[in-house]
Amino acid sequence: MGLYSDFPRKKHDEYLTPFEAARPLKAFLTGVRTFMEPCCGDGRLIRHIEGFGPLCIYSGDIQTGTDALTDKVLARTTADAIITNPPYTKELLLPMIARFSEIAPTWLLLEANFKYNLYAAPFIPMCTDIVPIGRVVWFEGTDEGKQNYAWYRFHSQHTRGPTFHPAQKFPPKPRQKKAVAAA
């Protein structure tokens, strides 16, 4: 999965986005009323973002037969933003950045060090914002992530490079109490 992970890579890079990864994006969605999610997996990220207010008007995923790189409906749909946790293999990711950012301003959840890779260089000028979120726990039953992540916003008409936003501090997620069986 990532540089420091011991877990085997999942088919189609399907890593379901936990709420803690979506929460930092909430403050940056002012003015976003509608969005599209072209790599939606089980729809978890859609539910998180809709919980912040915006409405998802398009979703698709390669596992249900919708290829985000060729889908004509995606290109014809008008929304305020694209918000997704895309596959990280550069052969898929780079064409997605190019395509999505032509359709609408695009928020992608990526490894934080994406910006330091040479293959990312052509896309950094069109990156408007970088919102660090810290480590993400991708596998239930594990207690810490192995790598830092950030939300990157891309727009094809932007050329000045990104604004880096400081990390936000959130209260810890409340632990759910286990139900006690009646005696």
N, C-alpha and C. Protein backbone atom coordinates (compact mmCIF):
# COMPACT_ATOMS: atom_id res chain seq x y z
N MET A 1 0.82 -1.18 0.00
CA MET A 1 0.00 0.00 0.00
C MET A 1 0.87 1.24 0.00
N GLY A 2 1.57 1.51 1.08
CA GLY A 2 2.40 2.70 1.12
C GLY A 2 3.86 2.32 1.29
N LEU A 3 4.68 3.31 1.37
CA LEU A 3 6.11 3.12 1.47
C LEU A 3 6.50 2.32 2.71
N TYR A 4 5.79 2.51 3.81
CA TYR A 4 6.17 1.89 5.08
C TYR A 4 5.18 0.82 5.54
N SER A 5 4.33 0.35 4.67
CA SER A 5 3.29 -0.59 5.05
C SER A 5 3.74 -2.03 4.86
N ASP A 6 3.30 -2.88 5.77
CA ASP A 6 3.55 -4.31 5.67
C ASP A 6 2.35 -5.04 5.05
N PHE A 7 1.27 -4.31 4.80
CA PHE A 7 0.06 -4.92 4.29
C PHE A 7 0.16 -5.10 2.77
N PRO A 8 -0.42 -6.19 2.25
CA PRO A 8 -0.42 -6.36 0.79
C PRO A 8 -1.31 -5.31 0.13
N ARG A 9 -0.95 -4.92 -1.07
CA ARG A 9 -1.71 -3.92 -1.82
C ARG A 9 -3.08 -4.50 -2.19
N LYS A 10 -4.13 -3.69 -2.06
CA LYS A 10 -5.47 -4.13 -2.39
C LYS A 10 -5.75 -3.92 -3.88
N LYS A 11 -6.57 -4.78 -4.43
CA LYS A 11 -6.96 -4.67 -5.84
C LYS A 11 -7.59 -3.31 -6.09
N HIS A 12 -7.20 -2.66 -7.18
CA HIS A 12 -7.68 -1.34 -7.60
C HIS A 12 -7.37 -0.26 -6.56
N ASP A 13 -6.41 -0.50 -5.67
CA ASP A 13 -6.05 0.46 -4.61
C ASP A 13 -7.28 0.90 -3.82
N GLU A 14 -8.14 -0.05 -3.49
CA GLU A 14 -9.36 0.28 -2.76
C GLU A 14 -9.08 0.37 -1.26
N TYR A 15 -8.82 1.59 -0.82
CA TYR A 15 -8.61 1.87 0.59
C TYR A 15 -9.72 2.81 1.01
N LEU A 16 -10.64 2.33 1.83
CA LEU A 16 -11.83 3.07 2.19
C LEU A 16 -11.46 4.21 3.14
N THR A 17 -11.93 5.40 2.82
CA THR A 17 -11.51 6.62 3.51
C THR A 17 -12.18 6.75 4.87
N PRO A 18 -11.40 6.74 5.95
CA PRO A 18 -11.98 6.92 7.28
C PRO A 18 -12.40 8.38 7.49
N PHE A 19 -13.33 8.59 8.39
CA PHE A 19 -13.82 9.94 8.68
C PHE A 19 -12.69 10.89 9.07
N GLU A 20 -11.73 10.40 9.83
CA GLU A 20 -10.63 11.24 10.28
C GLU A 20 -9.84 11.83 9.12
N ALA A 21 -9.82 11.15 7.98
CA ALA A 21 -9.12 11.66 6.80
C ALA A 21 -9.96 12.72 6.09
N ALA A 22 -11.28 12.62 6.16
CA ALA A 22 -12.16 13.57 5.49
C ALA A 22 -12.36 14.84 6.32
N ARG A 23 -12.37 14.73 7.62
CA ARG A 23 -12.71 15.85 8.51
C ARG A 23 -11.91 17.12 8.24
N PRO A 24 -10.59 17.09 8.01
CA PRO A 24 -9.86 18.33 7.77
C PRO A 24 -10.29 19.08 6.51
N LEU A 25 -10.93 18.39 5.58
CA LEU A 25 -11.36 19.04 4.34
C LEU A 25 -12.60 19.92 4.55
N LYS A 26 -13.36 19.66 5.58
CA LYS A 26 -14.62 20.38 5.83
C LYS A 26 -14.43 21.89 5.77
N ALA A 27 -13.41 22.41 6.39
CA ALA A 27 -13.18 23.86 6.45
C ALA A 27 -12.90 24.47 5.08
N PHE A 28 -12.57 23.66 4.09
CA PHE A 28 -12.19 24.15 2.77
C PHE A 28 -13.29 23.95 1.72
N LEU A 29 -14.46 23.56 2.18
CA LEU A 29 -15.57 23.30 1.25
C LEU A 29 -16.59 24.42 1.20
N THR A 30 -16.26 25.58 1.73
CA THR A 30 -17.15 26.73 1.65
C THR A 30 -17.45 27.03 0.19
N GLY A 31 -18.71 27.15 -0.14
CA GLY A 31 -19.10 27.43 -1.52
C GLY A 31 -19.28 26.19 -2.38
N VAL A 32 -18.88 25.04 -1.88
CA VAL A 32 -19.08 23.80 -2.63
C VAL A 32 -20.45 23.24 -2.25
N ARG A 33 -21.39 23.31 -3.20
CA ARG A 33 -22.73 22.79 -2.97
C ARG A 33 -22.91 21.40 -3.54
N THR A 34 -22.18 21.12 -4.65
CA THR A 34 -22.28 19.81 -5.30
C THR A 34 -20.88 19.30 -5.61
N PHE A 35 -20.73 17.98 -5.62
CA PHE A 35 -19.44 17.38 -5.95
C PHE A 35 -19.64 16.06 -6.66
N MET A 36 -18.55 15.58 -7.27
CA MET A 36 -18.54 14.29 -7.93
C MET A 36 -17.46 13.43 -7.27
N GLU A 37 -17.70 12.13 -7.20
CA GLU A 37 -16.75 11.18 -6.60
C GLU A 37 -16.51 10.04 -7.59
N PRO A 38 -15.50 10.17 -8.46
CA PRO A 38 -15.29 9.18 -9.53
C PRO A 38 -14.57 7.91 -9.13
N CYS A 39 -14.07 7.82 -7.90
CA CYS A 39 -13.38 6.61 -7.40
C CYS A 39 -14.00 6.25 -6.05
N CYS A 40 -15.31 6.02 -6.04
CA CYS A 40 -16.06 6.03 -4.79
C CYS A 40 -15.98 4.77 -3.93
N GLY A 41 -15.46 3.67 -4.44
CA GLY A 41 -15.40 2.46 -3.60
C GLY A 41 -16.78 2.12 -3.07
N ASP A 42 -16.90 2.02 -1.75
CA ASP A 42 -18.19 1.70 -1.13
C ASP A 42 -19.02 2.94 -0.81
N GLY A 43 -18.55 4.12 -1.21
CA GLY A 43 -19.32 5.35 -0.97
C GLY A 43 -19.05 6.02 0.36
N ARG A 44 -18.09 5.49 1.09
CA ARG A 44 -17.80 6.03 2.42
C ARG A 44 -17.41 7.52 2.38
N LEU A 45 -16.53 7.90 1.45
CA LEU A 45 -16.13 9.30 1.36
C LEU A 45 -17.32 10.19 0.99
N ILE A 46 -18.19 9.70 0.15
CA ILE A 46 -19.41 10.45 -0.20
C ILE A 46 -20.20 10.75 1.06
N ARG A 47 -20.41 9.75 1.90
CA ARG A 47 -21.19 9.95 3.12
C ARG A 47 -20.51 10.97 4.04
N HIS A 48 -19.18 10.90 4.15
CA HIS A 48 -18.47 11.86 4.99
C HIS A 48 -18.67 13.28 4.47
N ILE A 49 -18.46 13.49 3.17
CA ILE A 49 -18.56 14.84 2.60
C ILE A 49 -19.99 15.35 2.63
N GLU A 50 -20.95 14.49 2.31
CA GLU A 50 -22.35 14.93 2.40
C GLU A 50 -22.73 15.31 3.83
N GLY A 51 -22.09 14.70 4.81
CA GLY A 51 -22.31 15.08 6.20
C GLY A 51 -21.86 16.50 6.49
N PHE A 52 -20.98 17.05 5.65
CA PHE A 52 -20.51 18.43 5.80
C PHE A 52 -21.41 19.41 5.05
N GLY A 53 -22.34 18.91 4.23
CA GLY A 53 -23.26 19.79 3.52
C GLY A 53 -23.35 19.59 2.02
N PRO A 54 -22.24 19.46 1.28
CA PRO A 54 -22.34 19.30 -0.18
C PRO A 54 -23.05 18.01 -0.57
N LEU A 55 -23.68 18.04 -1.74
CA LEU A 55 -24.42 16.90 -2.26
C LEU A 55 -23.63 16.25 -3.40
N CYS A 56 -23.49 14.94 -3.36
CA CYS A 56 -22.82 14.21 -4.44
C CYS A 56 -23.82 14.00 -5.57
N ILE A 57 -23.48 14.51 -6.78
CA ILE A 57 -24.39 14.38 -7.91
C ILE A 57 -23.88 13.38 -8.96
N TYR A 58 -22.70 12.81 -8.73
CA TYR A 58 -22.14 11.79 -9.62
C TYR A 58 -21.20 10.93 -8.80
N SER A 59 -21.29 9.62 -8.99
CA SER A 59 -20.31 8.71 -8.39
C SER A 59 -20.10 7.54 -9.32
N GLY A 60 -18.91 6.98 -9.24
CA GLY A 60 -18.58 5.82 -10.04
C GLY A 60 -17.33 5.17 -9.48
N ASP A 61 -17.07 3.95 -9.92
CA ASP A 61 -15.89 3.24 -9.47
C ASP A 61 -15.57 2.14 -10.48
N ILE A 62 -14.31 1.88 -10.67
CA ILE A 62 -13.86 0.86 -11.62
C ILE A 62 -14.43 -0.51 -11.26
N GLN A 63 -14.66 -0.75 -9.97
CA GLN A 63 -15.17 -2.06 -9.55
C GLN A 63 -16.63 -2.28 -9.92
N THR A 64 -17.33 -1.18 -10.22
CA THR A 64 -18.72 -1.31 -10.67
C THR A 64 -18.84 -1.02 -12.16
N GLY A 65 -17.69 -0.96 -12.86
CA GLY A 65 -17.70 -0.82 -14.30
C GLY A 65 -17.57 0.60 -14.83
N THR A 66 -17.31 1.58 -13.97
CA THR A 66 -17.18 2.96 -14.42
C THR A 66 -15.71 3.37 -14.32
N ASP A 67 -15.09 3.58 -15.47
CA ASP A 67 -13.69 3.97 -15.53
C ASP A 67 -13.60 5.50 -15.51
N ALA A 68 -13.04 6.04 -14.45
CA ALA A 68 -12.95 7.49 -14.28
C ALA A 68 -12.14 8.17 -15.37
N LEU A 69 -11.28 7.43 -16.04
CA LEU A 69 -10.45 8.02 -17.09
C LEU A 69 -11.15 8.10 -18.45
N THR A 70 -12.26 7.38 -18.61
CA THR A 70 -12.94 7.39 -19.91
C THR A 70 -14.42 7.69 -19.83
N ASP A 71 -15.00 7.74 -18.66
CA ASP A 71 -16.45 7.92 -18.52
C ASP A 71 -16.90 9.26 -19.10
N LYS A 72 -17.78 9.22 -20.08
CA LYS A 72 -18.28 10.44 -20.73
C LYS A 72 -19.24 11.21 -19.83
N VAL A 73 -19.98 10.51 -18.98
CA VAL A 73 -20.92 11.18 -18.08
C VAL A 73 -20.17 12.09 -17.11
N LEU A 74 -19.05 11.64 -16.60
CA LEU A 74 -18.24 12.46 -15.70
C LEU A 74 -17.86 13.78 -16.38
N ALA A 75 -17.42 13.70 -17.62
CA ALA A 75 -16.99 14.89 -18.35
C ALA A 75 -18.14 15.84 -18.64
N ARG A 76 -19.36 15.33 -18.75
CA ARG A 76 -20.52 16.17 -19.07
C ARG A 76 -21.26 16.69 -17.84
N THR A 77 -20.91 16.19 -16.66
CA THR A 77 -21.60 16.60 -15.45
C THR A 77 -20.96 17.87 -14.90
N THR A 78 -21.79 18.77 -14.43
CA THR A 78 -21.30 20.03 -13.87
C THR A 78 -21.50 20.02 -12.36
N ALA A 79 -20.41 20.18 -11.64
CA ALA A 79 -20.45 20.24 -10.18
C ALA A 79 -19.43 21.27 -9.72
N ASP A 80 -19.52 21.66 -8.46
CA ASP A 80 -18.59 22.64 -7.90
C ASP A 80 -17.20 22.05 -7.69
N ALA A 81 -17.11 20.73 -7.51
CA ALA A 81 -15.81 20.11 -7.23
C ALA A 81 -15.86 18.62 -7.51
N ILE A 82 -14.68 18.06 -7.67
CA ILE A 82 -14.48 16.62 -7.64
C ILE A 82 -13.71 16.36 -6.35
N ILE A 83 -14.16 15.39 -5.58
CA ILE A 83 -13.51 15.04 -4.32
C ILE A 83 -13.36 13.53 -4.31
N THR A 84 -12.10 13.04 -4.22
CA THR A 84 -11.91 11.60 -4.27
C THR A 84 -10.59 11.18 -3.62
N ASN A 85 -10.54 9.93 -3.25
CA ASN A 85 -9.34 9.25 -2.78
C ASN A 85 -8.94 8.31 -3.92
N PRO A 86 -8.09 8.80 -4.84
CA PRO A 86 -7.81 8.04 -6.07
C PRO A 86 -6.78 6.93 -5.84
N PRO A 87 -6.62 6.06 -6.84
CA PRO A 87 -5.50 5.10 -6.79
C PRO A 87 -4.19 5.88 -6.83
N TYR A 88 -3.17 5.38 -6.17
CA TYR A 88 -1.90 6.11 -6.08
C TYR A 88 -0.86 5.66 -7.10
N THR A 89 -1.14 4.62 -7.85
CA THR A 89 -0.17 4.23 -8.87
C THR A 89 -0.11 5.34 -9.91
N LYS A 90 1.09 5.82 -10.20
CA LYS A 90 1.21 7.02 -11.03
C LYS A 90 0.65 6.84 -12.43
N GLU A 91 0.63 5.62 -12.95
CA GLU A 91 0.07 5.38 -14.28
C GLU A 91 -1.43 5.70 -14.32
N LEU A 92 -2.10 5.61 -13.20
CA LEU A 92 -3.52 5.98 -13.10
C LEU A 92 -3.69 7.39 -12.53
N LEU A 93 -2.94 7.69 -11.49
CA LEU A 93 -3.09 8.95 -10.78
C LEU A 93 -2.84 10.17 -11.66
N LEU A 94 -1.74 10.18 -12.40
CA LEU A 94 -1.38 11.37 -13.18
C LEU A 94 -2.42 11.69 -14.26
N PRO A 95 -2.90 10.70 -15.03
CA PRO A 95 -3.97 11.01 -15.98
C PRO A 95 -5.26 11.47 -15.28
N MET A 96 -5.51 10.95 -14.07
CA MET A 96 -6.69 11.40 -13.34
C MET A 96 -6.57 12.86 -12.94
N ILE A 97 -5.41 13.26 -12.45
CA ILE A 97 -5.22 14.67 -12.09
C ILE A 97 -5.46 15.55 -13.32
N ALA A 98 -4.88 15.19 -14.44
CA ALA A 98 -5.05 15.98 -15.67
C ALA A 98 -6.51 16.05 -16.09
N ARG A 99 -7.20 14.93 -16.08
CA ARG A 99 -8.60 14.90 -16.54
C ARG A 99 -9.53 15.60 -15.56
N PHE A 100 -9.44 15.23 -14.30
CA PHE A 100 -10.36 15.78 -13.30
C PHE A 100 -10.23 17.30 -13.20
N SER A 101 -9.00 17.81 -13.20
CA SER A 101 -8.79 19.25 -13.01
C SER A 101 -9.30 20.06 -14.21
N GLU A 102 -9.49 19.43 -15.35
CA GLU A 102 -10.12 20.09 -16.50
C GLU A 102 -11.64 20.15 -16.34
N ILE A 103 -12.19 19.21 -15.61
CA ILE A 103 -13.65 19.12 -15.43
C ILE A 103 -14.13 20.05 -14.33
N ALA A 104 -13.43 20.06 -13.19
CA ALA A 104 -13.83 20.88 -12.03
C ALA A 104 -12.64 20.99 -11.08
N PRO A 105 -12.65 21.99 -10.19
CA PRO A 105 -11.62 22.00 -9.14
C PRO A 105 -11.66 20.65 -8.42
N THR A 106 -10.49 20.08 -8.17
CA THR A 106 -10.41 18.69 -7.74
C THR A 106 -9.61 18.54 -6.45
N TRP A 107 -10.24 17.98 -5.44
CA TRP A 107 -9.57 17.63 -4.19
C TRP A 107 -9.21 16.15 -4.22
N LEU A 108 -7.92 15.84 -4.06
CA LEU A 108 -7.46 14.46 -4.02
C LEU A 108 -6.75 14.18 -2.71
N LEU A 109 -7.07 13.06 -2.11
CA LEU A 109 -6.37 12.61 -0.91
C LEU A 109 -5.14 11.82 -1.37
N LEU A 110 -3.95 12.36 -1.08
CA LEU A 110 -2.71 11.75 -1.55
C LEU A 110 -1.69 11.63 -0.43
N GLU A 111 -0.67 10.84 -0.67
CA GLU A 111 0.43 10.79 0.28
C GLU A 111 1.02 12.19 0.37
N ALA A 112 1.35 12.63 1.57
CA ALA A 112 1.82 14.00 1.76
C ALA A 112 3.07 14.30 0.93
N ASN A 113 3.91 13.30 0.73
CA ASN A 113 5.16 13.55 0.00
C ASN A 113 4.99 13.53 -1.52
N PHE A 114 3.76 13.44 -2.01
CA PHE A 114 3.50 13.47 -3.45
C PHE A 114 4.22 14.66 -4.10
N LYS A 115 4.17 15.80 -3.45
CA LYS A 115 4.72 17.04 -4.03
C LYS A 115 6.22 16.99 -4.25
N TYR A 116 6.91 16.05 -3.63
CA TYR A 116 8.36 15.96 -3.75
C TYR A 116 8.83 15.02 -4.86
N ASN A 117 7.91 14.34 -5.52
CA ASN A 117 8.27 13.41 -6.58
C ASN A 117 8.43 14.13 -7.91
N LEU A 118 9.44 13.77 -8.69
CA LEU A 118 9.66 14.41 -9.99
C LEU A 118 8.45 14.27 -10.91
N TYR A 119 7.77 13.13 -10.86
CA TYR A 119 6.61 12.95 -11.73
C TYR A 119 5.46 13.88 -11.37
N ALA A 120 5.46 14.45 -10.17
CA ALA A 120 4.42 15.38 -9.75
C ALA A 120 4.69 16.81 -10.23
N ALA A 121 5.93 17.09 -10.62
CA ALA A 121 6.34 18.46 -10.96
C ALA A 121 5.43 19.18 -11.95
N PRO A 122 4.96 18.54 -13.02
CA PRO A 122 4.09 19.26 -13.95
C PRO A 122 2.75 19.68 -13.35
N PHE A 123 2.34 19.02 -12.26
CA PHE A 123 1.03 19.29 -11.66
C PHE A 123 1.09 20.28 -10.50
N ILE A 124 2.25 20.51 -9.93
CA ILE A 124 2.35 21.38 -8.76
C ILE A 124 1.94 22.82 -9.08
N PRO A 125 2.26 23.40 -10.23
CA PRO A 125 1.78 24.76 -10.51
C PRO A 125 0.25 24.87 -10.50
N MET A 126 -0.46 23.81 -10.90
CA MET A 126 -1.93 23.85 -10.92
C MET A 126 -2.55 23.40 -9.60
N CYS A 127 -1.72 23.14 -8.61
CA CYS A 127 -2.21 22.80 -7.27
C CYS A 127 -2.47 24.11 -6.53
N THR A 128 -3.69 24.29 -6.06
CA THR A 128 -4.05 25.54 -5.38
C THR A 128 -3.82 25.48 -3.87
N ASP A 129 -4.05 24.30 -3.29
CA ASP A 129 -4.00 24.16 -1.83
C ASP A 129 -3.49 22.78 -1.46
N ILE A 130 -2.77 22.74 -0.33
CA ILE A 130 -2.37 21.47 0.28
C ILE A 130 -2.80 21.54 1.74
N VAL A 131 -3.62 20.58 2.15
CA VAL A 131 -4.15 20.53 3.51
C VAL A 131 -3.65 19.24 4.16
N PRO A 132 -2.64 19.33 5.02
CA PRO A 132 -2.12 18.11 5.65
C PRO A 132 -3.11 17.53 6.65
N ILE A 133 -3.15 16.22 6.71
CA ILE A 133 -4.06 15.58 7.66
C ILE A 133 -3.34 14.62 8.60
N GLY A 134 -2.05 14.44 8.41
CA GLY A 134 -1.30 13.53 9.28
C GLY A 134 -1.44 12.09 8.83
N ARG A 135 -1.27 11.20 9.77
CA ARG A 135 -1.29 9.77 9.45
C ARG A 135 -2.71 9.25 9.43
N VAL A 136 -2.95 8.32 8.52
CA VAL A 136 -4.27 7.74 8.35
C VAL A 136 -4.19 6.25 8.67
N VAL A 137 -5.14 5.78 9.44
CA VAL A 137 -5.25 4.35 9.74
C VAL A 137 -6.20 3.76 8.69
N TRP A 138 -5.65 2.98 7.77
CA TRP A 138 -6.43 2.42 6.67
C TRP A 138 -7.01 1.06 7.00
N PHE A 139 -6.45 0.38 7.98
CA PHE A 139 -6.87 -0.98 8.27
C PHE A 139 -7.46 -1.05 9.67
N GLU A 140 -8.73 -1.44 9.75
CA GLU A 140 -9.37 -1.59 11.05
C GLU A 140 -8.61 -2.60 11.89
N GLY A 141 -8.55 -2.33 13.17
CA GLY A 141 -7.84 -3.22 14.07
C GLY A 141 -6.39 -2.83 14.27
N THR A 142 -5.91 -1.87 13.48
CA THR A 142 -4.57 -1.35 13.70
C THR A 142 -4.73 0.01 14.37
N ASP A 143 -3.73 0.45 15.08
CA ASP A 143 -3.91 1.67 15.86
C ASP A 143 -3.12 2.88 15.38
N GLU A 144 -2.32 2.75 14.34
CA GLU A 144 -1.64 3.93 13.84
C GLU A 144 -1.28 3.78 12.37
N GLY A 145 -1.28 4.91 11.70
CA GLY A 145 -0.89 4.92 10.30
C GLY A 145 0.62 4.92 10.17
N LYS A 146 1.10 4.59 9.01
CA LYS A 146 2.55 4.52 8.77
C LYS A 146 3.06 5.68 7.94
N GLN A 147 2.16 6.49 7.38
CA GLN A 147 2.58 7.53 6.46
C GLN A 147 1.64 8.73 6.59
N ASN A 148 2.16 9.92 6.29
CA ASN A 148 1.36 11.14 6.33
C ASN A 148 0.64 11.35 5.00
N TYR A 149 -0.54 11.97 5.09
CA TYR A 149 -1.37 12.23 3.93
C TYR A 149 -1.80 13.69 3.94
N ALA A 150 -2.29 14.14 2.79
CA ALA A 150 -2.78 15.51 2.66
C ALA A 150 -3.83 15.55 1.56
N TRP A 151 -4.70 16.53 1.65
CA TRP A 151 -5.61 16.84 0.56
C TRP A 151 -4.92 17.83 -0.35
N TYR A 152 -4.93 17.55 -1.63
CA TYR A 152 -4.37 18.44 -2.65
C TYR A 152 -5.53 18.91 -3.53
N ARG A 153 -5.60 20.22 -3.77
CA ARG A 153 -6.63 20.75 -4.67
C ARG A 153 -5.96 21.19 -5.97
N PHE A 154 -6.47 20.68 -7.09
CA PHE A 154 -5.94 21.00 -8.41
C PHE A 154 -7.00 21.70 -9.24
N HIS A 155 -6.57 22.68 -10.03
CA HIS A 155 -7.45 23.35 -10.98
C HIS A 155 -6.63 23.70 -12.21
N SER A 156 -7.11 23.31 -13.37
CA SER A 156 -6.33 23.47 -14.60
C SER A 156 -6.00 24.92 -14.94
N GLN A 157 -6.79 25.87 -14.46
CA GLN A 157 -6.55 27.28 -14.78
C GLN A 157 -5.63 27.98 -13.77
N HIS A 158 -5.27 27.28 -12.73
CA HIS A 158 -4.38 27.84 -11.71
C HIS A 158 -2.93 27.58 -12.13
N THR A 159 -2.05 28.55 -11.95
CA THR A 159 -0.66 28.38 -12.39
C THR A 159 0.37 28.83 -11.37
N ARG A 160 -0.04 29.29 -10.19
CA ARG A 160 0.90 29.86 -9.22
C ARG A 160 1.37 28.89 -8.15
N GLY A 161 0.94 27.68 -8.19
CA GLY A 161 1.36 26.72 -7.17
C GLY A 161 0.49 26.82 -5.93
N PRO A 162 0.76 25.96 -4.95
CA PRO A 162 -0.14 25.80 -3.81
C PRO A 162 0.11 26.75 -2.64
N THR A 163 -0.97 26.92 -1.89
CA THR A 163 -0.90 27.48 -0.55
C THR A 163 -0.89 26.30 0.39
N PHE A 164 0.07 26.28 1.29
CA PHE A 164 0.14 25.19 2.28
C PHE A 164 -0.58 25.66 3.54
N HIS A 165 -1.55 24.89 3.98
CA HIS A 165 -2.33 25.24 5.17
C HIS A 165 -1.80 24.44 6.35
N PRO A 166 -1.64 25.08 7.50
CA PRO A 166 -1.13 24.35 8.67
C PRO A 166 -2.08 23.21 9.05
N ALA A 167 -1.52 22.20 9.67
CA ALA A 167 -2.33 21.09 10.15
C ALA A 167 -3.32 21.59 11.18
N GLN A 168 -4.49 20.99 11.19
CA GLN A 168 -5.53 21.35 12.14
C GLN A 168 -5.55 20.35 13.27
N LYS A 169 -5.91 20.81 14.44
CA LYS A 169 -6.02 19.91 15.59
C LYS A 169 -7.50 19.64 15.84
N PHE A 170 -7.85 18.39 15.94
CA PHE A 170 -9.22 18.00 16.20
C PHE A 170 -9.27 17.23 17.51
N PRO A 171 -10.40 17.34 18.22
CA PRO A 171 -10.52 16.52 19.43
C PRO A 171 -10.51 15.04 19.05
N PRO A 172 -10.02 14.20 19.95
CA PRO A 172 -10.00 12.77 19.61
C PRO A 172 -11.41 12.24 19.38
N LYS A 173 -11.49 11.24 18.54
CA LYS A 173 -12.77 10.60 18.26
C LYS A 173 -13.26 9.91 19.53
N PRO A 174 -14.51 10.16 19.91
CA PRO A 174 -15.01 9.50 21.12
C PRO A 174 -15.04 7.99 20.93
N ARG A 175 -14.58 7.28 21.93
CA ARG A 175 -14.61 5.82 21.86
C ARG A 175 -16.02 5.34 22.17
N GLN A 176 -16.47 4.38 21.38
CA GLN A 176 -17.80 3.84 21.62
C GLN A 176 -17.72 2.78 22.70
N LYS A 177 -18.68 2.85 23.60
CA LYS A 177 -18.73 1.87 24.69
C LYS A 177 -19.30 0.57 24.14
N LYS A 178 -18.72 -0.52 24.58
CA LYS A 178 -19.23 -1.82 24.17
C LYS A 178 -20.51 -2.10 24.95
N ALA A 179 -21.46 -2.68 24.25
CA ALA A 179 -22.73 -3.03 24.88
C ALA A 179 -22.51 -4.13 25.91
N VAL A 180 -23.12 -3.98 27.05
CA VAL A 180 -23.01 -4.99 28.11
C VAL A 180 -24.23 -5.89 28.00
N ALA A 181 -23.99 -7.17 27.92
CA ALA A 181 -25.09 -8.14 27.82
C ALA A 181 -25.87 -8.16 29.11
N ALA A 182 -27.20 -8.22 28.98
CA ALA A 182 -28.07 -8.28 30.16
C ALA A 182 -27.90 -9.63 30.83
N ALA A 183 -27.87 -9.61 32.15
CA ALA A 183 -27.68 -10.86 32.88
C ALA A 183 -28.95 -11.61 33.06
